[in-house]
Protein backbone atom coordinates (compact mmCIF):
# COMPACT_ATOMS: atom_id res chain seq x y z
CA MET A 1 112.41 127.24 136.03
CA PRO A 2 115.75 128.77 137.17
CA PRO A 3 118.44 126.55 138.73
CA ASN A 4 117.98 126.05 142.45
CA PRO A 5 120.75 127.61 144.56
CA ALA A 6 123.29 125.44 146.36
CA PRO A 7 123.57 125.75 150.15
CA ARG A 8 126.86 127.25 151.33
CA ASP A 9 128.26 124.13 153.00
CA LEU A 10 126.42 120.94 152.19
CA ARG A 11 128.91 118.72 154.02
CA SER A 12 128.08 120.26 157.41
CA ARG A 13 124.48 119.07 157.41
CA PRO A 14 123.52 116.54 160.11
CA ALA A 15 122.19 113.06 159.34
CA ARG A 16 118.62 113.20 158.11
CA LEU A 17 116.11 111.71 160.54
CA GLY A 18 118.97 109.83 162.15
CA ALA A 19 119.90 108.15 158.83
CA PRO A 20 123.64 108.25 158.08
CA ASP A 21 125.18 109.15 154.74
CA LEU A 22 126.64 105.84 153.54
CA GLY A 23 128.09 107.15 150.29
CA ILE A 24 127.51 105.39 146.95
CA GLY A 25 126.07 101.87 146.77
CA VAL A 26 124.77 99.27 144.35
CA GLY A 27 122.42 96.31 144.59
CA LEU A 28 123.76 93.03 145.98
CA ARG A 29 123.42 90.58 143.09
CA ILE A 30 124.50 86.94 142.81
CA LYS A 31 126.20 87.60 139.45
CA HIS A 32 128.70 89.86 141.19
CA TYR A 33 129.55 87.62 144.16
CA PRO A 34 132.98 86.66 142.75
CA GLU A 35 134.01 90.34 142.67
CA ILE A 36 132.26 91.29 145.91
CA PHE A 37 133.87 88.45 147.85
CA ASP A 38 137.20 88.52 145.95
CA GLU A 39 136.80 84.94 144.75
CA GLY A 40 139.24 83.61 142.17
CA GLN A 41 141.35 85.52 139.67
CA GLY A 42 140.44 88.80 138.08
CA SER A 43 138.37 90.24 140.91
CA SER A 44 137.51 93.81 139.91
CA MET A 45 137.59 94.80 143.58
CA GLY A 46 141.27 93.98 143.64
CA GLY A 47 141.31 91.82 146.76
CA ARG A 48 140.32 94.66 149.04
CA PRO A 49 140.38 94.19 152.81
CA PRO A 50 137.00 93.89 154.60
CA ASN A 51 136.72 97.64 155.28
CA PRO A 52 135.13 99.05 152.07
CA ARG A 53 136.60 102.48 152.84
CA ALA A 54 140.14 101.18 153.38
CA GLU A 55 142.98 103.17 151.91
CA GLY A 56 144.19 101.92 148.55
CA SER A 57 140.79 100.96 147.15
CA SER A 58 140.37 102.05 143.56
CA GLU A 59 137.84 104.82 142.84
CA GLU A 60 136.89 102.92 139.67
CA THR A 61 135.88 99.80 141.65
CA ARG A 62 134.93 101.31 144.99
CA VAL A 63 131.49 100.62 146.45
CA ASP A 64 130.56 101.94 149.89
CA TRP A 65 127.46 99.86 150.66
CA PHE A 66 124.95 97.40 149.22
CA GLU A 67 121.18 97.39 149.05
CA ILE A 68 119.36 94.05 149.30
CA ILE A 69 115.85 93.10 148.25
CA SER A 70 114.44 92.21 151.66
CA GLU A 71 112.21 89.41 150.41
CA ASN A 72 115.21 87.48 149.08
CA PHE A 73 116.53 87.08 152.63
CA THR A 74 113.42 86.58 154.80
CA VAL A 75 114.14 82.86 154.80
CA PRO A 76 114.98 80.48 157.69
CA GLY A 77 118.47 79.63 156.43
CA GLY A 78 120.52 78.37 153.50
CA MET A 79 122.84 80.08 151.03
CA PRO A 80 121.02 83.45 150.90
CA LEU A 81 121.67 84.08 154.60
CA HIS A 82 125.18 82.63 154.35
CA ASN A 83 126.07 85.09 151.59
CA LEU A 84 124.32 87.92 153.41
CA GLY A 85 126.56 87.19 156.39
CA ARG A 86 129.63 87.36 154.17
CA ALA A 87 128.50 90.72 152.79
CA LEU A 88 127.81 92.08 156.28
CA GLU A 89 131.41 91.32 157.27
CA ARG A 90 132.57 93.83 154.64
CA PHE A 91 129.84 96.35 153.89
CA PRO A 92 126.90 98.24 155.36
CA ILE A 93 123.64 96.72 154.12
CA VAL A 94 120.31 98.51 153.60
CA GLN A 95 117.01 96.66 153.18
CA HIS A 96 114.73 97.58 150.26
CA GLY A 97 111.38 95.82 149.97
CA VAL A 98 108.88 95.23 147.20
CA SER A 99 105.94 93.64 149.06
CA LEU A 100 104.84 96.12 151.73
CA SER A 101 101.90 97.36 149.62
CA ILE A 102 101.56 100.35 151.93
CA GLY A 103 98.71 101.84 149.88
CA SER A 104 96.59 98.69 149.69
CA ALA A 105 93.08 98.54 151.15
CA GLU A 106 94.11 95.18 152.63
CA PRO A 107 95.17 94.98 156.30
CA LEU A 108 98.90 95.17 156.93
CA ASP A 109 100.60 91.78 156.62
CA TRP A 110 101.98 91.36 160.14
CA GLU A 111 103.56 87.99 159.38
CA TYR A 112 105.59 89.65 156.64
CA LEU A 113 106.46 92.54 158.94
CA ARG A 114 107.69 90.16 161.65
CA LYS A 115 110.03 88.57 159.09
CA LEU A 116 111.17 92.01 158.01
CA LYS A 117 111.91 93.01 161.61
CA ALA A 118 113.85 89.79 162.20
CA LEU A 119 115.96 90.59 159.14
CA VAL A 120 116.64 94.10 160.48
CA SER A 121 118.09 92.51 163.62
CA VAL A 122 120.56 90.66 161.37
CA THR A 123 121.47 93.41 158.90
CA ARG A 124 121.31 96.36 161.32
CA SER A 125 119.90 98.28 158.38
CA PRO A 126 119.83 101.98 159.37
CA TRP A 127 116.49 102.40 157.59
CA VAL A 128 114.10 100.16 155.66
CA SER A 129 112.56 101.25 152.37
CA ASP A 130 109.67 100.19 150.18
CA HIS A 131 107.47 101.74 147.53
CA LEU A 132 104.67 104.28 147.84
CA CYS A 133 102.13 102.19 145.98
CA TRP A 134 99.81 99.23 146.31
CA GLY A 135 100.33 95.72 144.97
CA SER A 136 97.98 93.33 146.71
CA ALA A 137 94.23 92.70 146.73
CA GLY A 138 92.04 89.88 147.97
CA GLY A 139 95.00 88.28 149.72
CA VAL A 140 96.90 88.00 146.41
CA HIS A 141 100.18 89.78 145.63
CA LEU A 142 100.05 91.20 142.11
CA HIS A 143 103.86 91.56 141.83
CA ASP A 144 103.58 95.09 140.51
CA LEU A 145 104.03 98.59 141.92
CA LEU A 146 100.69 100.24 141.22
CA PRO A 147 100.05 103.98 141.63
CA LEU A 148 97.63 105.63 144.03
CA PRO A 149 95.16 108.51 143.62
CA TYR A 150 96.64 111.70 145.06
CA THR A 151 93.89 112.61 147.51
CA ALA A 152 93.70 113.78 151.13
CA ALA A 153 91.93 110.54 152.06
CA THR A 154 94.74 108.46 150.58
CA VAL A 155 97.33 110.57 152.40
CA LYS A 156 95.60 109.88 155.72
CA TRP A 157 95.24 106.14 155.03
CA VAL A 158 98.83 105.61 153.89
CA ALA A 159 100.36 107.82 156.60
CA GLU A 160 98.58 105.89 159.37
CA ARG A 161 99.86 102.60 157.97
CA ALA A 162 103.39 103.94 157.40
CA ARG A 163 103.60 105.20 160.97
CA ALA A 164 102.43 101.79 162.28
CA VAL A 165 105.05 99.98 160.17
CA GLN A 166 107.82 102.34 161.26
CA ASP A 167 106.89 101.99 164.94
CA PHE A 168 106.81 98.19 164.66
CA LEU A 169 110.15 97.86 162.84
CA GLY A 170 111.91 100.22 165.20
CA VAL A 171 113.88 101.89 162.39
CA ARG A 172 113.08 104.71 160.00
CA LEU A 173 110.82 103.79 157.09
CA ALA A 174 111.59 105.45 153.74
CA LEU A 175 108.91 105.42 151.04
CA GLU A 176 109.96 105.54 147.38
CA ASN A 177 108.14 107.40 144.62
CA VAL A 178 107.30 104.96 141.82
CA SER A 179 107.18 105.29 138.04
CA SER A 180 103.64 105.51 136.73
CA TYR A 181 101.90 104.96 133.43
CA MET A 182 98.39 106.19 134.28
CA THR A 183 96.79 108.96 136.33
CA PHE A 184 93.56 109.18 138.34
CA THR A 185 90.83 111.72 137.60
CA SER A 186 90.15 111.83 141.34
CA SER A 187 93.61 113.21 142.19
CA GLU A 188 93.54 116.49 144.12
CA MET A 189 97.24 117.36 144.20
CA THR A 190 100.53 116.82 142.40
CA GLU A 191 102.54 113.68 143.03
CA TRP A 192 105.26 115.58 144.90
CA GLU A 193 102.66 117.21 147.15
CA PHE A 194 101.24 113.74 147.80
CA VAL A 195 104.63 112.21 148.64
CA SER A 196 105.52 115.17 150.85
CA ALA A 197 102.21 115.12 152.74
CA ILE A 198 102.53 111.42 153.57
CA ALA A 199 106.15 111.77 154.71
CA GLU A 200 105.29 114.71 156.96
CA GLU A 201 102.15 113.15 158.46
CA ALA A 202 103.81 109.76 159.02
CA ASP A 203 107.11 111.34 160.14
CA CYS A 204 108.91 108.94 157.81
CA GLY A 205 111.69 109.30 155.27
CA ILE A 206 111.65 109.60 151.49
CA LEU A 207 113.60 107.41 149.10
CA LEU A 208 113.80 109.84 146.20
CA ASP A 209 114.04 107.89 142.95
CA VAL A 210 115.29 110.48 140.51
CA ASN A 211 114.90 108.19 137.51
CA ASN A 212 111.28 107.51 138.45
CA ILE A 213 110.67 111.26 138.57
CA TYR A 214 112.07 111.59 135.05
CA VAL A 215 110.04 108.62 133.76
CA SER A 216 106.75 109.82 135.23
CA ALA A 217 107.39 113.42 134.14
CA TYR A 218 107.94 112.21 130.58
CA ASN A 219 104.87 109.97 130.63
CA HIS A 220 102.55 112.58 132.15
CA ALA A 221 104.13 115.82 130.89
CA PHE A 222 104.81 117.47 134.24
CA ASP A 223 107.88 119.44 135.36
CA ALA A 224 110.54 117.14 136.82
CA ASP A 225 112.43 120.12 138.25
CA ALA A 226 109.32 121.22 140.16
CA TYR A 227 109.07 117.72 141.62
CA VAL A 228 112.67 117.73 142.87
CA ASP A 229 112.22 121.23 144.30
CA GLY A 230 108.87 120.35 145.89
CA VAL A 231 109.80 117.50 148.24
CA PRO A 232 111.07 118.23 151.77
CA ALA A 233 114.84 117.88 151.39
CA GLU A 234 115.34 117.09 155.08
CA ARG A 235 113.26 113.91 154.71
CA VAL A 236 115.28 112.46 151.81
CA VAL A 237 117.36 109.68 153.38
CA GLN A 238 118.31 107.92 150.14
CA ILE A 239 118.39 108.51 146.38
CA HIS A 240 117.95 105.95 143.60
CA LEU A 241 119.43 106.29 140.13
CA ALA A 242 118.75 103.90 137.24
CA GLY A 243 118.44 103.47 133.51
CA HIS A 244 115.16 103.04 131.65
CA THR A 245 113.77 102.13 128.22
CA ASN A 246 112.35 104.90 126.05
CA HIS A 247 109.65 103.70 123.63
CA GLY A 248 109.02 107.13 122.14
CA LYS A 249 105.49 107.79 123.38
CA TYR A 250 106.29 106.52 126.85
CA ILE A 251 109.18 105.35 129.05
CA LEU A 252 109.34 102.11 131.02
CA ASP A 253 111.33 101.96 134.24
CA THR A 254 113.38 98.86 133.40
CA HIS A 255 116.63 99.35 135.39
CA SER A 256 118.38 97.82 132.40
CA ASP A 257 120.80 100.47 131.15
CA HIS A 258 123.05 103.38 132.05
CA VAL A 259 121.68 106.50 133.73
CA ILE A 260 121.00 109.13 131.05
CA ASP A 261 122.26 112.73 131.17
CA PRO A 262 118.90 114.38 132.05
CA VAL A 263 118.60 112.05 135.07
CA TRP A 264 122.14 112.93 136.14
CA ASP A 265 121.08 116.60 135.90
CA LEU A 266 118.10 115.92 138.18
CA TYR A 267 120.48 114.20 140.60
CA ARG A 268 122.63 117.34 140.68
CA ARG A 269 119.54 119.42 141.35
CA ALA A 270 118.42 117.13 144.17
CA LEU A 271 121.88 117.20 145.78
CA ARG A 272 121.88 121.00 145.76
CA ARG A 273 118.85 120.76 148.05
CA THR A 274 119.71 117.73 150.17
CA GLY A 275 123.47 117.81 150.44
CA PRO A 276 125.31 114.47 150.39
CA VAL A 277 122.87 111.61 150.85
CA SER A 278 123.19 107.84 150.44
CA THR A 279 122.87 107.11 146.72
CA LEU A 280 122.25 103.80 144.97
CA ILE A 281 122.68 102.74 141.36
CA GLU A 282 119.87 100.30 140.45
CA TRP A 283 120.60 97.84 137.64
CA ASP A 284 118.26 94.85 137.83
CA ASP A 285 117.86 93.63 134.25
CA ASP A 286 120.54 92.97 131.62
CA ILE A 287 122.91 93.20 134.58
CA PRO A 288 126.41 94.17 133.37
CA PRO A 289 129.80 92.97 134.65
CA PHE A 290 130.67 94.42 138.04
CA ALA A 291 133.31 96.74 136.58
CA GLU A 292 130.67 98.46 134.42
CA LEU A 293 128.30 98.83 137.37
CA ALA A 294 131.11 100.16 139.56
CA ALA A 295 131.97 102.71 136.86
CA GLU A 296 128.39 103.99 137.06
CA ALA A 297 128.78 104.26 140.84
CA ALA A 298 132.03 106.16 140.32
CA LYS A 299 130.19 108.65 138.10
CA ALA A 300 127.59 109.18 140.84
CA ARG A 301 130.39 109.75 143.35
CA ALA A 302 132.09 112.28 141.08
CA ILE A 303 128.84 114.22 140.65
CA ARG A 304 128.19 114.14 144.39
CA ASP A 305 131.66 115.48 145.07
CA GLU A 306 131.21 118.11 142.35
CA VAL A 307 127.98 119.41 143.90
CA CYS A 308 128.59 118.86 147.60
CA GLY A 309 132.37 118.94 147.89
CA ALA A 310 134.56 115.92 148.52
CA GLY A 311 134.98 115.09 152.18
CA PRO A 312 135.48 112.18 154.57
CA ARG A 313 132.57 109.81 155.11
């Protein structure tokens, strides 16, 4: 498949679905609190002032925003909310969930959604994301992100639920494509057609996980470029990048290593369609020192500037 053409001026594009471009972010992790909050000696953020975009911040250690796992902060009080407050004083925060189970046959968990909405009122998250999957049955959370059959009936079911969630939360919902390790014989369309149909019918956003596209394309032998080219670019409000573990016959999405070159290439391809969009480096296992994570973020920023042109944010 030939390279997709770049738009003439990617920087001039308006915010997608009302979602701002926040720049390059990473996950908020306890291990990195000393650097994030400039505690003690040797902070790799260099004692930056509260404004993360302040002049004088190093490109090697610069982070524009943080993503939190929503479920870690839907608590009545204590240190999690204390540290969240400290982060909010310095950085934009975006909520990313793992328990919505939007594709489940179970009713929506309104108690969970009320907690999620209360957290939005604290974080002022410009959008809320979760995974396009299911992970609960019989009232039990399975703690996994399980794939769905790509059928018209599933599109209708998930889109109705996604629209209800988005209306209740009062902010844009972005659904993330997941890595998969099996397919359904009942599927009627490609995964990217499935993701696109749900986003259009629900009028919600897409969290485009470029690493997950690469992993699933490897596991199921489909064209990753066709996937990137097939989603509606105007609905992509965020991009995820991550490392994975290649076992030869299959790849596991482990978020435990550096982003590999073919995934960076897919990121370039996606940016040529979307323009500059909020991008996050995921690193959730074998978490490195903050300086190493920040260097990965700096690489994402350099690629974004290469494709879209450097400009004020």
